[in-house]
PDB file of N, CA and C in Angstrom:
ATOM      1  N   UNK A   1      42.452 -65.488 -56.915  1.00  0.00           N
ATOM      2  CA  UNK A   1      41.962 -65.174 -55.586  1.00  0.00           C
ATOM      3  C   UNK A   1      40.434 -65.079 -55.637  1.00  0.00           C
ATOM      4  N   UNK A   2      39.803 -65.531 -54.575  1.00  0.00           N
ATOM      5  CA  UNK A   2      38.348 -65.438 -54.481  1.00  0.00           C
ATOM      6  C   UNK A   2      37.903 -63.976 -54.510  1.00  0.00           C
ATOM      7  N   UNK A   3      36.632 -63.788 -54.806  1.00  0.00           N
ATOM      8  CA  UNK A   3      36.097 -62.424 -54.854  1.00  0.00           C
ATOM      9  C   UNK A   3      36.181 -61.768 -53.479  1.00  0.00           C
ATOM     10  N   UNK A   4      36.524 -60.494 -53.496  1.00  0.00           N
ATOM     11  CA  UNK A   4      36.568 -59.676 -52.286  1.00  0.00           C
ATOM     12  C   UNK A   4      35.206 -59.003 -52.139  1.00  0.00           C
ATOM     13  N   UNK A   5      34.645 -59.059 -50.938  1.00  0.00           N
ATOM     14  CA  UNK A   5      33.392 -58.373 -50.656  1.00  0.00           C
ATOM     15  C   UNK A   5      33.655 -57.349 -49.563  1.00  0.00           C
ATOM     16  N   UNK A   6      33.303 -56.106 -49.850  1.00  0.00           N
ATOM     17  CA  UNK A   6      33.515 -55.001 -48.917  1.00  0.00           C
ATOM     18  C   UNK A   6      32.154 -54.503 -48.462  1.00  0.00           C
ATOM     19  N   UNK A   7      31.904 -54.577 -47.171  1.00  0.00           N
ATOM     20  CA  UNK A   7      30.697 -53.999 -46.588  1.00  0.00           C
ATOM     21  C   UNK A   7      31.096 -52.655 -46.003  1.00  0.00           C
ATOM     22  N   UNK A   8      30.500 -51.576 -46.515  1.00  0.00           N
ATOM     23  CA  UNK A   8      30.899 -50.253 -46.057  1.00  0.00           C
ATOM     24  C   UNK A   8      29.787 -49.235 -46.191  1.00  0.00           C
ATOM     25  N   UNK A   9      30.184 -47.974 -46.019  1.00  0.00           N
ATOM     26  CA  UNK A   9      29.274 -46.825 -46.163  1.00  0.00           C
ATOM     27  C   UNK A   9      29.922 -45.816 -47.107  1.00  0.00           C
ATOM     28  N   UNK A  10      29.111 -45.055 -47.807  1.00  0.00           N
ATOM     29  CA  UNK A  10      29.620 -44.118 -48.806  1.00  0.00           C
ATOM     30  C   UNK A  10      30.480 -43.010 -48.204  1.00  0.00           C
ATOM     31  N   UNK A  11      30.238 -42.627 -46.961  1.00  0.00           N
ATOM     32  CA  UNK A  11      30.997 -41.533 -46.348  1.00  0.00           C
ATOM     33  C   UNK A  11      32.211 -42.024 -45.554  1.00  0.00           C
ATOM     34  N   UNK A  12      32.641 -43.241 -45.786  1.00  0.00           N
ATOM     35  CA  UNK A  12      33.738 -43.855 -45.021  1.00  0.00           C
ATOM     36  C   UNK A  12      35.025 -43.831 -45.851  1.00  0.00           C
ATOM     37  N   UNK A  13      36.029 -43.129 -45.356  1.00  0.00           N
ATOM     38  CA  UNK A  13      37.303 -43.043 -46.052  1.00  0.00           C
ATOM     39  C   UNK A  13      38.007 -44.380 -46.192  1.00  0.00           C
ATOM     40  N   UNK A  14      37.969 -45.204 -45.152  1.00  0.00           N
ATOM     41  CA  UNK A  14      38.620 -46.517 -45.227  1.00  0.00           C
ATOM     42  C   UNK A  14      37.894 -47.436 -46.205  1.00  0.00           C
ATOM     43  N   UNK A  15      36.589 -47.261 -46.337  1.00  0.00           N
ATOM     44  CA  UNK A  15      35.824 -48.045 -47.319  1.00  0.00           C
ATOM     45  C   UNK A  15      36.267 -47.665 -48.728  1.00  0.00           C
ATOM     46  N   UNK A  16      36.426 -46.363 -48.969  1.00  0.00           N
ATOM     47  CA  UNK A  16      36.902 -45.903 -50.277  1.00  0.00           C
ATOM     48  C   UNK A  16      38.300 -46.431 -50.560  1.00  0.00           C
ATOM     49  N   UNK A  17      39.162 -46.427 -49.546  1.00  0.00           N
ATOM     50  CA  UNK A  17      40.527 -46.923 -49.728  1.00  0.00           C
ATOM     51  C   UNK A  17      40.533 -48.412 -50.057  1.00  0.00           C
ATOM     52  N   UNK A  18      39.650 -49.171 -49.423  1.00  0.00           N
ATOM     53  CA  UNK A  18      39.559 -50.611 -49.706  1.00  0.00           C
ATOM     54  C   UNK A  18      39.140 -50.837 -51.157  1.00  0.00           C
ATOM     55  N   UNK A  19      38.148 -50.067 -51.629  1.00  0.00           N
ATOM     56  CA  UNK A  19      37.716 -50.190 -53.024  1.00  0.00           C
ATOM     57  C   UNK A  19      38.854 -49.807 -53.965  1.00  0.00           C
ATOM     58  N   UNK A  20      39.564 -48.721 -53.650  1.00  0.00           N
ATOM     59  CA  UNK A  20      40.674 -48.280 -54.492  1.00  0.00           C
ATOM     60  C   UNK A  20      41.771 -49.344 -54.562  1.00  0.00           C
ATOM     61  N   UNK A  21      42.067 -49.976 -53.427  1.00  0.00           N
ATOM     62  CA  UNK A  21      43.087 -51.027 -53.409  1.00  0.00           C
ATOM     63  C   UNK A  21      42.677 -52.176 -54.329  1.00  0.00           C
ATOM     64  N   UNK A  22      41.408 -52.558 -54.276  1.00  0.00           N
ATOM     65  CA  UNK A  22      40.909 -53.618 -55.158  1.00  0.00           C
ATOM     66  C   UNK A  22      41.026 -53.210 -56.624  1.00  0.00           C
ATOM     67  N   UNK A  23      40.706 -51.957 -56.919  1.00  0.00           N
ATOM     68  CA  UNK A  23      40.802 -51.480 -58.299  1.00  0.00           C
ATOM     69  C   UNK A  23      42.251 -51.461 -58.774  1.00  0.00           C
ATOM     70  N   UNK A  24      43.170 -50.969 -57.941  1.00  0.00           N
ATOM     71  CA  UNK A  24      44.591 -50.911 -58.287  1.00  0.00           C
ATOM     72  C   UNK A  24      45.137 -52.311 -58.541  1.00  0.00           C
ATOM     73  N   UNK A  25      44.748 -53.257 -57.694  1.00  0.00           N
ATOM     74  CA  UNK A  25      45.233 -54.640 -57.809  1.00  0.00           C
ATOM     75  C   UNK A  25      44.434 -55.451 -58.824  1.00  0.00           C
ATOM     76  N   UNK A  26      43.435 -54.813 -59.434  1.00  0.00           N
ATOM     77  CA  UNK A  26      42.572 -55.452 -60.428  1.00  0.00           C
ATOM     78  C   UNK A  26      41.929 -56.731 -59.891  1.00  0.00           C
ATOM     79  N   UNK A  27      41.392 -56.619 -58.675  1.00  0.00           N
ATOM     80  CA  UNK A  27      40.737 -57.749 -58.030  1.00  0.00           C
ATOM     81  C   UNK A  27      39.256 -57.765 -58.379  1.00  0.00           C
ATOM     82  N   UNK A  28      38.692 -58.956 -58.413  1.00  0.00           N
ATOM     83  CA  UNK A  28      37.254 -59.113 -58.553  1.00  0.00           C
ATOM     84  C   UNK A  28      36.656 -58.782 -57.182  1.00  0.00           C
ATOM     85  N   UNK A  29      35.859 -57.697 -57.121  1.00  0.00           N
ATOM     86  CA  UNK A  29      35.296 -57.324 -55.827  1.00  0.00           C
ATOM     87  C   UNK A  29      33.869 -56.836 -55.964  1.00  0.00           C
ATOM     88  N   UNK A  30      33.175 -56.931 -54.844  1.00  0.00           N
ATOM     89  CA  UNK A  30      31.803 -56.453 -54.734  1.00  0.00           C
ATOM     90  C   UNK A  30      31.766 -55.490 -53.564  1.00  0.00           C
ATOM     91  N   UNK A  31      31.249 -54.297 -53.801  1.00  0.00           N
ATOM     92  CA  UNK A  31      31.079 -53.326 -52.722  1.00  0.00           C
ATOM     93  C   UNK A  31      29.607 -53.286 -52.346  1.00  0.00           C
ATOM     94  N   UNK A  32      29.326 -53.447 -51.060  1.00  0.00           N
ATOM     95  CA  UNK A  32      27.950 -53.427 -50.565  1.00  0.00           C
ATOM     96  C   UNK A  32      27.813 -52.258 -49.597  1.00  0.00           C
ATOM     97  N   UNK A  33      26.987 -51.284 -49.966  1.00  0.00           N
ATOM     98  CA  UNK A  33      26.727 -50.144 -49.088  1.00  0.00           C
ATOM     99  C   UNK A  33      25.696 -50.587 -48.057  1.00  0.00           C
ATOM    100  N   UNK A  34      26.120 -50.673 -46.796  1.00  0.00           N
ATOM    101  CA  UNK A  34      25.227 -51.218 -45.769  1.00  0.00           C
ATOM    102  C   UNK A  34      24.024 -50.319 -45.503  1.00  0.00           C
ATOM    103  N   UNK A  35      24.160 -49.015 -45.750  1.00  0.00           N
ATOM    104  CA  UNK A  35      23.031 -48.098 -45.547  1.00  0.00           C
ATOM    105  C   UNK A  35      21.997 -48.326 -46.642  1.00  0.00           C
ATOM    106  N   UNK A  36      22.455 -48.336 -47.884  1.00  0.00           N
ATOM    107  CA  UNK A  36      21.528 -48.549 -49.012  1.00  0.00           C
ATOM    108  C   UNK A  36      20.850 -49.906 -48.948  1.00  0.00           C
ATOM    109  N   UNK A  37      21.567 -50.927 -48.477  1.00  0.00           N
ATOM    110  CA  UNK A  37      21.022 -52.287 -48.431  1.00  0.00           C
ATOM    111  C   UNK A  37      20.279 -52.592 -47.130  1.00  0.00           C
ATOM    112  N   UNK A  38      20.296 -51.667 -46.172  1.00  0.00           N
ATOM    113  CA  UNK A  38      19.589 -51.883 -44.910  1.00  0.00           C
ATOM    114  C   UNK A  38      20.234 -52.937 -44.034  1.00  0.00           C
ATOM    115  N   UNK A  39      21.560 -53.064 -44.124  1.00  0.00           N
ATOM    116  CA  UNK A  39      22.292 -54.041 -43.317  1.00  0.00           C
ATOM    117  C   UNK A  39      22.843 -53.346 -42.087  1.00  0.00           C
ATOM    118  N   UNK A  40      22.517 -53.876 -40.921  1.00  0.00           N
ATOM    119  CA  UNK A  40      23.001 -53.277 -39.680  1.00  0.00           C
ATOM    120  C   UNK A  40      24.308 -53.939 -39.237  1.00  0.00           C
ATOM    121  N   UNK A  41      24.978 -53.284 -38.317  1.00  0.00           N
ATOM    122  CA  UNK A  41      26.198 -53.876 -37.755  1.00  0.00           C
ATOM    123  C   UNK A  41      25.849 -55.162 -37.004  1.00  0.00           C
ATOM    124  N   UNK A  42      24.651 -55.213 -36.441  1.00  0.00           N
ATOM    125  CA  UNK A  42      24.200 -56.439 -35.762  1.00  0.00           C
ATOM    126  C   UNK A  42      24.028 -57.572 -36.771  1.00  0.00           C
ATOM    127  N   UNK A  43      23.525 -57.256 -37.955  1.00  0.00           N
ATOM    128  CA  UNK A  43      23.400 -58.267 -39.011  1.00  0.00           C
ATOM    129  C   UNK A  43      24.779 -58.809 -39.387  1.00  0.00           C
ATOM    130  N   UNK A  44      25.745 -57.904 -39.542  1.00  0.00           N
ATOM    131  CA  UNK A  44      27.101 -58.336 -39.889  1.00  0.00           C
ATOM    132  C   UNK A  44      27.717 -59.162 -38.769  1.00  0.00           C
ATOM    133  N   UNK A  45      27.449 -58.775 -37.526  1.00  0.00           N
ATOM    134  CA  UNK A  45      27.998 -59.519 -36.385  1.00  0.00           C
ATOM    135  C   UNK A  45      27.521 -60.967 -36.396  1.00  0.00           C
ATOM    136  N   UNK A  46      26.282 -61.194 -36.800  1.00  0.00           N
ATOM    137  CA  UNK A  46      25.765 -62.565 -36.881  1.00  0.00           C
ATOM    138  C   UNK A  46      26.553 -63.377 -37.910  1.00  0.00           C
ATOM    139  N   UNK A  47      26.900 -62.754 -39.022  1.00  0.00           N
ATOM    140  CA  UNK A  47      27.653 -63.438 -40.078  1.00  0.00           C
ATOM    141  C   UNK A  47      29.094 -63.682 -39.658  1.00  0.00           C
ATOM    142  N   UNK A  48      29.703 -62.671 -39.030  1.00  0.00           N
ATOM    143  CA  UNK A  48      31.118 -62.735 -38.671  1.00  0.00           C
ATOM    144  C   UNK A  48      31.356 -63.575 -37.426  1.00  0.00           C
ATOM    145  N   UNK A  49      30.416 -63.500 -36.498  1.00  0.00           N
ATOM    146  CA  UNK A  49      30.553 -64.291 -35.278  1.00  0.00           C
ATOM    147  C   UNK A  49      31.010 -63.493 -34.073  1.00  0.00           C
ATOM    148  N   UNK A  50      31.158 -62.193 -34.237  1.00  0.00           N
ATOM    149  CA  UNK A  50      31.474 -61.321 -33.103  1.00  0.00           C
ATOM    150  C   UNK A  50      30.999 -59.909 -33.416  1.00  0.00           C
ATOM    151  N   UNK A  51      30.958 -59.070 -32.394  1.00  0.00           N
ATOM    152  CA  UNK A  51      30.456 -57.714 -32.534  1.00  0.00           C
ATOM    153  C   UNK A  51      31.283 -56.922 -33.538  1.00  0.00           C
ATOM    154  N   UNK A  52      30.603 -56.070 -34.284  1.00  0.00           N
ATOM    155  CA  UNK A  52      31.244 -55.227 -35.294  1.00  0.00           C
ATOM    156  C   UNK A  52      31.022 -53.777 -34.922  1.00  0.00           C
ATOM    157  N   UNK A  53      32.116 -53.017 -34.834  1.00  0.00           N
ATOM    158  CA  UNK A  53      32.007 -51.598 -34.475  1.00  0.00           C
ATOM    159  C   UNK A  53      32.268 -50.670 -35.652  1.00  0.00           C
ATOM    160  N   UNK A  54      33.028 -51.135 -36.638  1.00  0.00           N
ATOM    161  CA  UNK A  54      33.453 -50.248 -37.714  1.00  0.00           C
ATOM    162  C   UNK A  54      33.224 -50.878 -39.081  1.00  0.00           C
ATOM    163  N   UNK A  55      33.278 -50.045 -40.083  1.00  0.00           N
ATOM    164  CA  UNK A  55      33.329 -50.477 -41.466  1.00  0.00           C
ATOM    165  C   UNK A  55      34.594 -49.888 -42.058  1.00  0.00           C
ATOM    166  N   UNK A  56      35.139 -50.482 -43.076  1.00  0.00           N
ATOM    167  CA  UNK A  56      34.604 -51.618 -43.806  1.00  0.00           C
ATOM    168  C   UNK A  56      34.814 -52.929 -43.067  1.00  0.00           C
ATOM    169  N   UNK A  57      34.002 -53.893 -43.423  1.00  0.00           N
ATOM    170  CA  UNK A  57      34.213 -55.282 -43.033  1.00  0.00           C
ATOM    171  C   UNK A  57      34.418 -56.018 -44.346  1.00  0.00           C
ATOM    172  N   UNK A  58      35.575 -56.684 -44.454  1.00  0.00           N
ATOM    173  CA  UNK A  58      36.006 -57.226 -45.736  1.00  0.00           C
ATOM    174  C   UNK A  58      36.156 -58.739 -45.651  1.00  0.00           C
ATOM    175  N   UNK A  59      35.662 -59.396 -46.694  1.00  0.00           N
ATOM    176  CA  UNK A  59      35.758 -60.841 -46.832  1.00  0.00           C
ATOM    177  C   UNK A  59      36.510 -61.161 -48.122  1.00  0.00           C
ATOM    178  N   UNK A  60      37.286 -62.230 -48.085  1.00  0.00           N
ATOM    179  CA  UNK A  60      37.858 -62.807 -49.299  1.00  0.00           C
ATOM    180  C   UNK A  60      37.231 -64.187 -49.399  1.00  0.00           C
ATOM    181  N   UNK A  61      36.395 -64.353 -50.408  1.00  0.00           N
ATOM    182  CA  UNK A  61      35.565 -65.544 -50.458  1.00  0.00           C
ATOM    183  C   UNK A  61      34.645 -65.508 -49.248  1.00  0.00           C
ATOM    184  N   UNK A  62      34.661 -66.571 -48.463  1.00  0.00           N
ATOM    185  CA  UNK A  62      33.842 -66.622 -47.249  1.00  0.00           C
ATOM    186  C   UNK A  62      34.643 -66.303 -45.997  1.00  0.00           C
ATOM    187  N   UNK A  63      35.938 -66.022 -46.171  1.00  0.00           N
ATOM    188  CA  UNK A  63      36.818 -65.759 -45.030  1.00  0.00           C
ATOM    189  C   UNK A  63      36.778 -64.284 -44.645  1.00  0.00           C
ATOM    190  N   UNK A  64      36.434 -64.021 -43.387  1.00  0.00           N
ATOM    191  CA  UNK A  64      36.418 -62.650 -42.884  1.00  0.00           C
ATOM    192  C   UNK A  64      37.850 -62.201 -42.635  1.00  0.00           C
ATOM    193  N   UNK A  65      38.241 -61.093 -43.268  1.00  0.00           N
ATOM    194  CA  UNK A  65      39.589 -60.549 -43.110  1.00  0.00           C
ATOM    195  C   UNK A  65      39.618 -59.482 -42.018  1.00  0.00           C
ATOM    196  N   UNK A  66      38.624 -58.623 -41.990  1.00  0.00           N
ATOM    197  CA  UNK A  66      38.573 -57.532 -41.004  1.00  0.00           C
ATOM    198  C   UNK A  66      38.351 -56.213 -41.710  1.00  0.00           C
ATOM    199  N   UNK A  67      38.965 -55.158 -41.157  1.00  0.00           N
ATOM    200  CA  UNK A  67      38.844 -53.821 -41.726  1.00  0.00           C
ATOM    201  C   UNK A  67      39.918 -53.550 -42.763  1.00  0.00           C
ATOM    202  N   UNK A  68      40.063 -52.269 -43.106  1.00  0.00           N
ATOM    203  CA  UNK A  68      41.023 -51.906 -44.147  1.00  0.00           C
ATOM    204  C   UNK A  68      42.447 -52.281 -43.769  1.00  0.00           C
ATOM    205  N   UNK A  69      42.870 -51.989 -42.542  1.00  0.00           N
ATOM    206  CA  UNK A  69      44.253 -52.288 -42.141  1.00  0.00           C
ATOM    207  C   UNK A  69      44.556 -53.776 -42.263  1.00  0.00           C
ATOM    208  N   UNK A  70      43.634 -54.610 -41.830  1.00  0.00           N
ATOM    209  CA  UNK A  70      43.829 -56.064 -41.923  1.00  0.00           C
ATOM    210  C   UNK A  70      43.851 -56.520 -43.377  1.00  0.00           C
ATOM    211  N   UNK A  71      42.995 -55.913 -44.197  1.00  0.00           N
ATOM    212  CA  UNK A  71      42.951 -56.268 -45.614  1.00  0.00           C
ATOM    213  C   UNK A  71      44.246 -55.857 -46.307  1.00  0.00           C
ATOM    214  N   UNK A  72      44.739 -54.668 -45.998  1.00  0.00           N
ATOM    215  CA  UNK A  72      45.989 -54.197 -46.579  1.00  0.00           C
ATOM    216  C   UNK A  72      47.137 -55.133 -46.192  1.00  0.00           C
ATOM    217  N   UNK A  73      47.193 -55.533 -44.924  1.00  0.00           N
ATOM    218  CA  UNK A  73      48.229 -56.468 -44.462  1.00  0.00           C
ATOM    219  C   UNK A  73      48.075 -57.818 -45.150  1.00  0.00           C
ATOM    220  N   UNK A  74      46.848 -58.281 -45.312  1.00  0.00           N
ATOM    221  CA  UNK A  74      46.572 -59.541 -46.007  1.00  0.00           C
ATOM    222  C   UNK A  74      47.109 -59.482 -47.434  1.00  0.00           C
ATOM    223  N   UNK A  75      46.856 -58.367 -48.124  1.00  0.00           N
ATOM    224  CA  UNK A  75      47.315 -58.217 -49.501  1.00  0.00           C
ATOM    225  C   UNK A  75      48.839 -58.159 -49.575  1.00  0.00           C
ATOM    226  N   UNK A  76      49.468 -57.457 -48.643  1.00  0.00           N
ATOM    227  CA  UNK A  76      50.932 -57.380 -48.623  1.00  0.00           C
ATOM    228  C   UNK A  76      51.547 -58.755 -48.387  1.00  0.00           C
ATOM    229  N   UNK A  77      50.979 -59.524 -47.462  1.00  0.00           N
ATOM    230  CA  UNK A  77      51.482 -60.876 -47.181  1.00  0.00           C
ATOM    231  C   UNK A  77      51.294 -61.774 -48.396  1.00  0.00           C
ATOM    232  N   UNK A  78      50.178 -61.646 -49.053  1.00  0.00           N
ATOM    233  CA  UNK A  78      49.889 -62.447 -50.254  1.00  0.00           C
ATOM    234  C   UNK A  78      50.903 -62.122 -51.361  1.00  0.00           C
ATOM    235  N   UNK A  79      51.195 -60.853 -51.537  1.00  0.00           N
ATOM    236  CA  UNK A  79      52.164 -60.454 -52.560  1.00  0.00           C
ATOM    237  C   UNK A  79      53.555 -60.938 -52.217  1.00  0.00           C
ATOM    238  N   UNK A  80      53.911 -60.910 -50.933  1.00  0.00           N
ATOM    239  CA  UNK A  80      55.227 -61.390 -50.505  1.00  0.00           C
ATOM    240  C   UNK A  80      55.364 -62.888 -50.780  1.00  0.00           C
ATOM    241  N   UNK A  81      54.283 -63.628 -50.564  1.00  0.00           N
ATOM    242  CA  UNK A  81      54.308 -65.074 -50.820  1.00  0.00           C
ATOM    243  C   UNK A  81      54.494 -65.373 -52.306  1.00  0.00           C
ATOM    244  N   UNK A  82      53.832 -64.615 -53.155  1.00  0.00           N
ATOM    245  CA  UNK A  82      53.935 -64.869 -54.584  1.00  0.00           C
ATOM    246  C   UNK A  82      55.258 -64.398 -55.165  1.00  0.00           C
ATOM    247  N   UNK A  83      55.934 -63.481 -54.454  1.00  0.00           N
ATOM    248  CA  UNK A  83      57.224 -62.961 -54.926  1.00  0.00           C
ATOM    249  C   UNK A  83      58.354 -63.946 -54.640  1.00  0.00           C
ATOM    250  N   UNK A  84      58.148 -64.852 -53.704  1.00  0.00           N
ATOM    251  CA  UNK A  84      59.205 -65.792 -53.307  1.00  0.00           C
ATOM    252  C   UNK A  84      59.427 -66.875 -54.328  1.00  0.00           C
TER     253      UNK A  84
END
C-alpha cells in the first residue's frame, strides 16, 4: 500500500487514533502537524479541491481519503478484499 499521510494537530483525538491505526497495521505513514508546519485549512483545501473543516485529513498515496472515519472504513474494506 502507498504511504499514508496524515495532516493533523497534536491536540486532536481523531488524529491520534489515525496514527495509532497506522502503527497497529504497521503501515508506512507520515504525520504532518499542520500547526508546526504552518499549514492552514485553506492550504489543504487547495490540495484537496474542496473546503476543509476538520482534521485529520488523510491521504493514501495521492488519493484523498478524508477524516478518521473514512480512513477506518477504507482500511476495513481493504482488509475485507484481501481476506476473500
